[in-house]
Every structure is written in C-alpha cells, then in structure tokens.
N, C-alpha and C. Protein backbone atom coordinates (compact mmCIF):
# COMPACT_ATOMS: atom_id res chain seq x y z
N MET A 1 19.00 44.57 -37.74
CA MET A 1 18.82 43.67 -36.69
C MET A 1 20.27 43.03 -36.87
N ARG A 2 20.53 42.41 -35.20
CA ARG A 2 21.56 41.66 -35.21
C ARG A 2 21.63 40.08 -35.70
N ASP A 3 22.86 39.83 -35.88
CA ASP A 3 22.49 38.53 -36.43
C ASP A 3 22.23 37.04 -35.89
N PRO A 4 20.93 37.08 -36.27
CA PRO A 4 19.98 35.66 -35.88
C PRO A 4 20.71 34.20 -36.03
N SER A 5 21.97 34.44 -36.67
CA SER A 5 22.69 32.91 -36.50
C SER A 5 23.08 32.65 -35.32
N SER A 6 23.42 33.32 -34.29
CA SER A 6 23.97 33.17 -33.09
C SER A 6 22.76 33.13 -32.21
N ARG A 7 21.52 32.90 -32.22
CA ARG A 7 20.33 32.75 -31.22
C ARG A 7 19.79 31.68 -31.14
N GLY A 8 18.84 31.14 -30.43
CA GLY A 8 18.04 30.01 -30.63
C GLY A 8 18.79 28.87 -29.93
N GLY A 9 18.74 27.95 -30.94
CA GLY A 9 19.12 26.47 -30.25
C GLY A 9 20.86 26.48 -29.70
N ALA A 10 21.62 27.28 -30.54
CA ALA A 10 23.01 27.38 -30.04
C ALA A 10 22.81 27.92 -28.61
N PHE A 11 22.66 28.95 -28.26
CA PHE A 11 22.76 29.45 -26.97
C PHE A 11 21.99 28.96 -26.14
N ALA A 12 20.80 28.46 -26.75
CA ALA A 12 19.89 28.13 -25.35
C ALA A 12 20.18 26.69 -24.83
N ASN A 13 20.76 25.58 -26.04
CA ASN A 13 21.00 24.36 -25.74
C ASN A 13 22.53 24.39 -25.04
N LEU A 14 23.08 25.32 -25.66
CA LEU A 14 24.93 25.44 -24.93
C LEU A 14 25.04 25.77 -23.90
N LEU A 15 24.79 27.43 -23.58
CA LEU A 15 24.96 28.37 -22.85
C LEU A 15 23.95 28.42 -21.11
N THR A 16 22.82 27.64 -21.55
CA THR A 16 22.27 27.53 -20.36
C THR A 16 22.60 26.29 -19.09
N ARG A 17 22.79 25.72 -19.89
CA ARG A 17 23.10 24.14 -19.24
C ARG A 17 23.81 24.53 -17.98
N GLU A 18 23.37 23.57 -16.83
CA GLU A 18 24.56 23.76 -15.84
C GLU A 18 25.13 22.73 -16.03
N GLY A 19 26.40 22.74 -14.76
CA GLY A 19 27.25 21.33 -14.60
C GLY A 19 27.98 21.66 -15.98
N PRO A 20 29.45 20.44 -16.31
CA PRO A 20 29.94 20.27 -17.51
C PRO A 20 29.61 20.61 -18.43
N ARG A 21 29.85 21.03 -19.64
CA ARG A 21 29.09 21.38 -20.92
C ARG A 21 29.50 19.78 -21.64
N LYS A 22 28.37 19.62 -22.75
CA LYS A 22 28.81 18.38 -23.80
C LYS A 22 29.95 18.18 -24.20
N ARG A 23 30.43 17.12 -24.31
CA ARG A 23 31.56 16.96 -24.90
C ARG A 23 31.12 17.18 -26.66
N VAL A 24 30.27 16.76 -27.24
CA VAL A 24 29.46 16.97 -28.73
C VAL A 24 28.21 17.33 -28.59
N VAL A 25 28.15 18.29 -29.63
CA VAL A 25 26.65 18.46 -29.77
C VAL A 25 26.37 18.29 -31.24
N VAL A 26 24.93 17.79 -31.41
CA VAL A 26 24.53 17.03 -32.66
C VAL A 26 23.27 18.12 -32.98
N ALA A 27 23.00 18.13 -34.49
CA ALA A 27 22.07 18.72 -34.52
C ALA A 27 21.73 18.85 -36.35
N ALA A 28 20.38 18.58 -36.34
CA ALA A 28 19.69 18.48 -37.73
C ALA A 28 19.15 19.60 -37.98
N SER A 29 19.36 19.90 -39.30
CA SER A 29 19.46 21.23 -39.76
C SER A 29 19.18 21.24 -41.10
N GLY A 30 18.20 22.70 -41.78
CA GLY A 30 18.21 23.03 -43.25
C GLY A 30 19.73 23.47 -43.32
N GLY A 31 20.11 24.14 -42.54
CA GLY A 31 21.30 25.09 -42.68
C GLY A 31 21.26 26.17 -41.57
N ASN A 32 20.21 27.16 -41.31
CA ASN A 32 20.49 27.96 -40.20
C ASN A 32 20.56 27.44 -38.84
N HIS A 33 19.69 26.53 -38.55
CA HIS A 33 20.31 26.18 -36.85
C HIS A 33 21.60 25.21 -36.71
N GLY A 34 22.09 24.81 -37.99
CA GLY A 34 23.29 24.09 -37.82
C GLY A 34 24.31 25.17 -37.83
N LEU A 35 23.97 26.38 -38.42
CA LEU A 35 24.66 27.42 -38.19
C LEU A 35 24.70 27.88 -37.01
N ALA A 36 24.05 28.09 -36.48
CA ALA A 36 23.69 28.91 -34.71
C ALA A 36 24.60 27.52 -33.91
N VAL A 37 24.48 26.53 -34.50
CA VAL A 37 25.12 25.41 -33.06
C VAL A 37 26.44 25.43 -33.38
N ALA A 38 26.78 25.35 -34.71
CA ALA A 38 28.45 25.59 -35.13
C ALA A 38 28.85 26.43 -34.59
N PHE A 39 28.07 27.73 -34.90
CA PHE A 39 28.94 29.30 -34.35
C PHE A 39 29.20 29.10 -32.71
N ALA A 40 28.03 28.63 -32.00
CA ALA A 40 28.14 28.44 -30.51
C ALA A 40 29.42 27.48 -29.99
N ALA A 41 29.18 26.28 -30.32
CA ALA A 41 30.08 24.98 -30.46
C ALA A 41 31.48 25.70 -30.47
N ASN A 42 31.94 26.61 -31.78
CA ASN A 42 33.16 27.16 -31.92
C ASN A 42 33.45 28.05 -30.83
N ARG A 43 32.86 28.70 -30.62
CA ARG A 43 33.07 29.85 -29.32
C ARG A 43 33.04 29.25 -27.81
N LEU A 44 32.39 28.29 -27.69
CA LEU A 44 32.53 27.06 -26.62
C LEU A 44 33.41 25.99 -26.55
N GLN A 45 34.46 26.10 -27.71
CA GLN A 45 35.33 24.96 -27.98
C GLN A 45 34.80 23.54 -27.61
N VAL A 46 33.41 23.52 -27.87
CA VAL A 46 32.78 22.15 -27.94
C VAL A 46 32.66 21.44 -29.50
N LEU A 47 32.81 20.42 -29.58
CA LEU A 47 32.71 19.68 -30.68
C LEU A 47 31.34 19.39 -31.48
N SER A 48 31.31 19.65 -32.55
CA SER A 48 29.75 19.44 -32.90
C SER A 48 29.70 18.85 -34.28
N THR A 49 28.87 18.25 -34.66
CA THR A 49 28.16 17.48 -35.64
C THR A 49 26.93 17.52 -36.23
N ILE A 50 26.78 18.37 -37.64
CA ILE A 50 25.89 19.01 -38.15
C ILE A 50 25.19 18.10 -38.84
N PHE A 51 24.08 17.54 -39.29
CA PHE A 51 23.36 17.06 -40.13
C PHE A 51 22.51 17.58 -41.14
N VAL A 52 22.95 17.78 -42.93
CA VAL A 52 22.29 18.20 -43.40
C VAL A 52 21.65 18.03 -44.50
N PRO A 53 20.75 18.10 -45.42
CA PRO A 53 20.17 17.43 -46.76
C PRO A 53 21.07 17.91 -47.33
N GLU A 54 20.93 17.38 -48.58
CA GLU A 54 21.94 17.84 -50.23
C GLU A 54 21.14 18.88 -50.13
N VAL A 55 20.24 19.05 -50.21
CA VAL A 55 19.64 20.42 -50.63
C VAL A 55 20.00 21.69 -49.85
N ALA A 56 20.70 21.74 -48.85
CA ALA A 56 21.23 22.71 -47.69
C ALA A 56 21.90 23.42 -48.78
N ALA A 57 21.85 24.91 -48.76
CA ALA A 57 22.86 25.87 -49.51
C ALA A 57 23.92 25.64 -49.38
N ALA A 58 24.81 25.40 -50.35
CA ALA A 58 26.34 25.36 -50.45
C ALA A 58 27.13 26.30 -49.18
N THR A 59 26.69 27.67 -49.51
CA THR A 59 27.37 28.62 -48.44
C THR A 59 27.05 28.47 -47.42
N LYS A 60 25.90 27.70 -47.13
CA LYS A 60 25.79 27.43 -45.67
C LYS A 60 26.78 26.20 -44.99
N GLN A 61 26.46 25.12 -45.61
CA GLN A 61 27.45 23.78 -45.63
C GLN A 61 28.83 24.50 -45.68
N GLU A 62 29.47 25.78 -46.06
CA GLU A 62 30.85 25.80 -46.33
C GLU A 62 31.11 26.64 -45.09
N ARG A 63 30.49 27.67 -44.55
CA ARG A 63 30.39 28.29 -43.29
C ARG A 63 30.17 26.96 -42.21
N ILE A 64 29.31 26.13 -41.81
CA ILE A 64 29.33 25.54 -41.33
C ILE A 64 30.57 24.79 -41.01
N ARG A 65 31.24 24.25 -41.87
CA ARG A 65 32.44 23.42 -41.89
C ARG A 65 33.79 24.88 -41.32
N SER A 66 33.73 25.89 -41.73
CA SER A 66 34.46 26.76 -41.49
C SER A 66 34.68 27.11 -40.19
N LEU A 67 33.38 26.61 -39.52
CA LEU A 67 33.31 27.07 -37.69
C LEU A 67 33.65 25.92 -37.04
N GLY A 68 34.51 25.05 -38.14
CA GLY A 68 34.65 23.49 -37.06
C GLY A 68 33.97 22.56 -37.18
N ALA A 69 32.75 22.74 -37.22
CA ALA A 69 32.05 21.50 -37.14
C ALA A 69 32.07 20.74 -38.09
N ARG A 70 31.82 19.01 -37.61
CA ARG A 70 31.74 18.07 -38.66
C ARG A 70 30.34 18.37 -39.23
N LEU A 71 30.15 18.19 -40.85
CA LEU A 71 29.26 18.54 -41.65
C LEU A 71 29.10 17.14 -42.22
N MET A 72 27.98 16.59 -42.15
CA MET A 72 27.23 15.27 -42.76
C MET A 72 26.55 15.94 -43.28
N VAL A 73 26.55 15.48 -44.71
CA VAL A 73 25.67 15.63 -45.84
C VAL A 73 24.61 14.57 -46.16
N VAL A 74 23.23 14.55 -45.44
CA VAL A 74 22.86 13.04 -45.78
C VAL A 74 21.32 13.38 -46.52
N GLY A 75 21.21 12.63 -47.46
CA GLY A 75 19.81 12.77 -48.07
C GLY A 75 19.50 13.67 -48.85
N GLN A 76 18.35 13.32 -49.42
CA GLN A 76 17.74 14.49 -50.21
C GLN A 76 16.98 15.60 -49.42
N LEU A 77 16.11 15.19 -48.47
CA LEU A 77 15.54 15.96 -47.33
C LEU A 77 15.85 15.95 -46.48
N TYR A 78 15.47 17.12 -45.68
CA TYR A 78 15.36 17.18 -43.97
C TYR A 78 15.05 16.10 -43.05
N ALA A 79 14.34 15.42 -43.70
CA ALA A 79 13.64 14.07 -43.05
C ALA A 79 15.16 12.92 -42.82
N ASP A 80 15.58 13.33 -44.28
CA ASP A 80 17.00 11.98 -44.10
C ASP A 80 17.92 12.57 -43.14
N ALA A 81 18.18 13.76 -42.87
CA ALA A 81 18.92 14.20 -42.10
C ALA A 81 19.03 13.77 -40.60
N LEU A 82 17.08 14.34 -40.42
CA LEU A 82 17.27 13.95 -39.06
C LEU A 82 17.28 12.82 -38.64
N ALA A 83 17.00 11.71 -39.52
CA ALA A 83 17.03 10.26 -39.27
C ALA A 83 18.47 9.88 -39.08
N ALA A 84 19.25 10.42 -39.56
CA ALA A 84 20.58 10.14 -39.80
C ALA A 84 21.04 10.52 -38.46
N SER A 85 20.74 11.84 -38.16
CA SER A 85 21.42 12.22 -36.78
C SER A 85 20.63 11.75 -35.55
N ARG A 86 19.50 11.18 -35.71
CA ARG A 86 19.19 10.41 -34.42
C ARG A 86 19.95 9.26 -34.37
N GLU A 87 20.44 8.70 -35.88
CA GLU A 87 20.95 7.35 -35.62
C GLU A 87 22.24 7.73 -34.90
N PHE A 88 22.96 8.55 -35.17
CA PHE A 88 24.22 9.25 -34.55
C PHE A 88 24.13 9.15 -32.90
N CYS A 89 23.11 9.96 -32.94
CA CYS A 89 22.76 10.11 -31.39
C CYS A 89 22.73 8.65 -30.44
N GLN A 90 22.01 7.79 -31.15
CA GLN A 90 21.61 6.62 -30.35
C GLN A 90 23.45 6.33 -30.12
N GLY A 91 24.28 6.48 -30.83
CA GLY A 91 25.60 5.68 -30.55
C GLY A 91 26.49 6.65 -29.44
N ILE A 92 25.99 8.03 -29.25
CA ILE A 92 26.93 8.29 -28.10
C ILE A 92 26.20 8.87 -26.74
N ARG A 93 24.73 8.85 -27.12
CA ARG A 93 23.87 8.96 -25.65
C ARG A 93 22.88 8.81 -26.13
N ARG A 94 21.82 9.00 -24.97
CA ARG A 94 20.56 8.36 -24.82
C ARG A 94 19.74 9.93 -24.90
N ASN A 95 18.41 9.65 -24.95
CA ASN A 95 17.34 10.67 -25.15
C ASN A 95 17.75 12.11 -25.79
N ALA A 96 18.48 11.73 -26.96
CA ALA A 96 18.65 12.79 -27.67
C ALA A 96 17.81 12.94 -28.55
N ASP A 97 17.46 14.41 -29.18
CA ASP A 97 16.76 14.49 -29.98
C ASP A 97 17.23 16.11 -30.48
N PRO A 98 17.71 15.86 -31.87
CA PRO A 98 18.65 16.84 -32.53
C PRO A 98 17.97 18.02 -33.65
N ARG A 99 16.18 17.90 -33.23
CA ARG A 99 15.42 18.91 -33.80
C ARG A 99 15.60 20.10 -33.35
N PRO A 100 15.43 21.21 -33.85
CA PRO A 100 15.60 22.44 -33.70
C PRO A 100 14.37 22.87 -32.82
N SER A 101 13.21 22.25 -33.62
CA SER A 101 11.70 22.72 -33.07
C SER A 101 11.42 22.00 -31.78
N ILE A 102 12.31 21.47 -31.18
CA ILE A 102 11.82 20.63 -30.03
C ILE A 102 11.95 21.24 -28.43
N SER A 103 12.78 21.82 -28.55
CA SER A 103 13.47 22.47 -27.30
C SER A 103 12.67 23.36 -27.05
N PRO A 104 11.94 24.14 -25.92
CA PRO A 104 11.19 24.80 -25.64
C PRO A 104 12.11 26.25 -25.29
N LYS A 105 13.10 26.08 -25.19
CA LYS A 105 13.97 27.35 -25.06
C LYS A 105 14.55 27.49 -26.27
N THR A 106 14.84 26.67 -27.44
CA THR A 106 15.39 26.87 -28.87
C THR A 106 14.21 27.69 -29.05
N LEU A 107 13.07 27.59 -29.15
CA LEU A 107 11.63 28.40 -29.38
C LEU A 107 11.83 29.76 -29.11
N LEU A 108 12.14 29.80 -27.46
CA LEU A 108 12.28 30.95 -27.29
C LEU A 108 13.24 31.96 -27.69
N GLY A 109 14.35 31.10 -27.79
CA GLY A 109 15.57 31.96 -28.43
C GLY A 109 15.10 32.66 -30.11
N GLN A 110 14.34 31.66 -30.67
CA GLN A 110 14.40 31.64 -32.31
C GLN A 110 13.22 32.81 -32.39
N GLY A 111 12.10 32.79 -31.40
CA GLY A 111 11.09 33.95 -31.36
C GLY A 111 11.74 35.31 -31.00
N SER A 112 13.00 35.29 -30.55
CA SER A 112 13.56 36.46 -30.35
C SER A 112 13.69 37.58 -31.16
N VAL A 113 13.95 36.75 -32.30
CA VAL A 113 13.89 37.49 -33.66
C VAL A 113 13.29 38.54 -33.92
N GLY A 114 12.03 37.59 -34.05
CA GLY A 114 10.62 38.17 -34.02
C GLY A 114 10.51 39.70 -33.10
N LEU A 115 10.52 39.49 -32.05
CA LEU A 115 10.42 40.64 -30.85
C LEU A 115 11.17 41.53 -31.18
N GLU A 116 12.41 41.46 -31.58
CA GLU A 116 13.53 42.47 -31.67
C GLU A 116 13.02 43.16 -33.37
N ALA A 117 12.47 42.39 -34.10
CA ALA A 117 12.23 43.46 -35.18
C ALA A 117 10.55 43.99 -35.02
N GLU A 118 9.97 43.46 -34.04
CA GLU A 118 8.95 44.20 -33.55
C GLU A 118 9.01 45.75 -32.49
N GLN A 119 10.34 45.71 -32.33
CA GLN A 119 10.73 46.70 -31.26
C GLN A 119 11.78 47.65 -31.98
N GLN A 120 12.31 46.97 -33.00
CA GLN A 120 12.89 48.08 -33.81
C GLN A 120 12.35 48.55 -34.81
N CYS A 121 11.14 48.05 -35.83
CA CYS A 121 10.02 48.60 -36.48
C CYS A 121 8.90 48.49 -36.09
N PRO A 122 8.34 49.51 -34.94
CA PRO A 122 6.90 49.22 -34.67
C PRO A 122 5.96 49.29 -35.66
N GLU A 123 5.93 49.67 -36.69
CA GLU A 123 5.34 50.32 -37.75
C GLU A 123 4.80 48.33 -38.82
N LEU A 124 5.82 47.52 -38.68
CA LEU A 124 5.98 46.27 -39.32
C LEU A 124 4.78 45.89 -39.09
N ASP A 125 3.83 44.98 -40.02
CA ASP A 125 2.67 44.63 -40.03
C ASP A 125 2.99 43.35 -41.07
N THR A 126 3.70 42.79 -41.66
CA THR A 126 4.44 41.51 -41.95
C THR A 126 5.33 41.15 -41.70
N LEU A 127 6.18 39.99 -41.44
CA LEU A 127 7.42 39.32 -41.13
C LEU A 127 7.12 37.94 -41.85
N LEU A 128 7.92 37.97 -42.83
CA LEU A 128 8.16 36.89 -43.31
C LEU A 128 9.35 35.83 -43.21
N VAL A 129 8.90 34.64 -42.61
CA VAL A 129 9.79 33.48 -41.86
C VAL A 129 9.75 32.64 -42.86
N SER A 130 11.68 32.24 -42.96
CA SER A 130 11.76 31.06 -43.78
C SER A 130 11.11 29.70 -42.77
N VAL A 131 11.05 28.51 -43.38
CA VAL A 131 10.33 27.16 -42.85
C VAL A 131 11.57 26.20 -43.34
N GLY A 132 12.31 25.68 -42.46
CA GLY A 132 13.22 24.95 -43.21
C GLY A 132 12.63 23.35 -42.02
N GLY A 133 13.55 23.57 -40.71
CA GLY A 133 13.29 22.55 -39.47
C GLY A 133 11.77 23.11 -39.15
N GLY A 134 11.38 24.15 -38.81
CA GLY A 134 10.49 24.96 -38.32
C GLY A 134 10.78 24.97 -36.99
N GLY A 135 12.13 25.25 -36.43
CA GLY A 135 12.29 26.10 -35.01
C GLY A 135 11.94 27.46 -35.43
N LEU A 136 12.10 27.93 -36.25
CA LEU A 136 12.09 29.89 -36.42
C LEU A 136 10.79 29.98 -36.51
N ILE A 137 10.04 29.64 -37.23
CA ILE A 137 8.77 29.83 -37.57
C ILE A 137 8.05 29.45 -36.05
N GLY A 138 7.91 28.38 -35.51
CA GLY A 138 7.51 28.15 -34.54
C GLY A 138 8.14 28.89 -33.27
N GLY A 139 9.22 29.76 -33.37
CA GLY A 139 9.51 30.43 -31.86
C GLY A 139 8.77 31.97 -32.19
N HIS A 140 8.97 32.13 -33.72
CA HIS A 140 8.02 33.54 -33.93
C HIS A 140 6.43 33.03 -33.36
N ARG A 141 5.86 32.16 -33.72
CA ARG A 141 4.33 31.89 -33.45
C ARG A 141 4.20 31.76 -31.82
N CYS A 142 5.39 31.67 -31.16
CA CYS A 142 5.12 31.20 -29.59
C CYS A 142 5.22 32.80 -28.98
N LEU A 143 5.91 33.72 -29.50
CA LEU A 143 6.40 35.02 -29.12
C LEU A 143 5.76 36.09 -29.93
N VAL A 144 5.47 36.19 -30.98
CA VAL A 144 5.00 37.21 -31.78
C VAL A 144 3.34 37.40 -31.85
C-alpha cells in the first residue's frame, strides 16, 4: 500500500480549500494524523502546530519536527493534547476544531486506506486498524 501518512486530514483539510490557504494549521493527534498534517503543511509551505500527548511515540514526534512543524507535547493523554490545541486555536481563529475525526473530508480520506487494502487484497477478511484519535477507524467504518 502507499504511505497512509499523506492522506486524510492533511490533504482533505489543506488541498481542498478554496481561496487563500490558511497561515497556520493546527492538529491534535496521537501521532499519525499529526504526521499527515505536518507532511502536507511542509509540502504546501504552510506553518503547522501539532499537539501530541507525552505518550506519543518518540519516532513520530521526531518525524513531525523534521517536517518543520511546531510540536507541542502536552499532558499524558490525547484528551490533554486536544484541550491544549483547542485553547491554542481560540487565540488564532474562531470555530476551529483540531480533532482528526470531526471532518467528513478527513474521514473520507482516512477511509481510503481501507478501500485501497480491499482493492489490492480482495481475499482480505480481517483488517486491524489502530485507534488513537479515532479518525482512521472512523474513516474505515464509513467506507469499508
């Protein structure tokens, strides 16, 4: 399969917007969504701030930083990172929700991973999906 880190939230929320692109993109993540957003922001030369909990894998944190994102490691749980990201958003814009599982476009993008698995492996009868912020599993549930 192609690299799923460049799907979902990153391209749905950055590439499908009409008009001028946002000056900053904010995401709360357990790791994967943050990687996708950081990747897309880097490619589009958009500033990104990614909030993750302390339990996020060190390799994911390093990769997010290497993509030029401002990484904010906050609290022990995803809920702590989400709360901090929402507070941050209030200071820069209104009506922002940095959760990966809230946008229908994000869910559709993330669900495309499951569709691709079905196309490449038609005999597949079980697909294990990690659950962090809920976006990946939500997308799979919607499309597969």
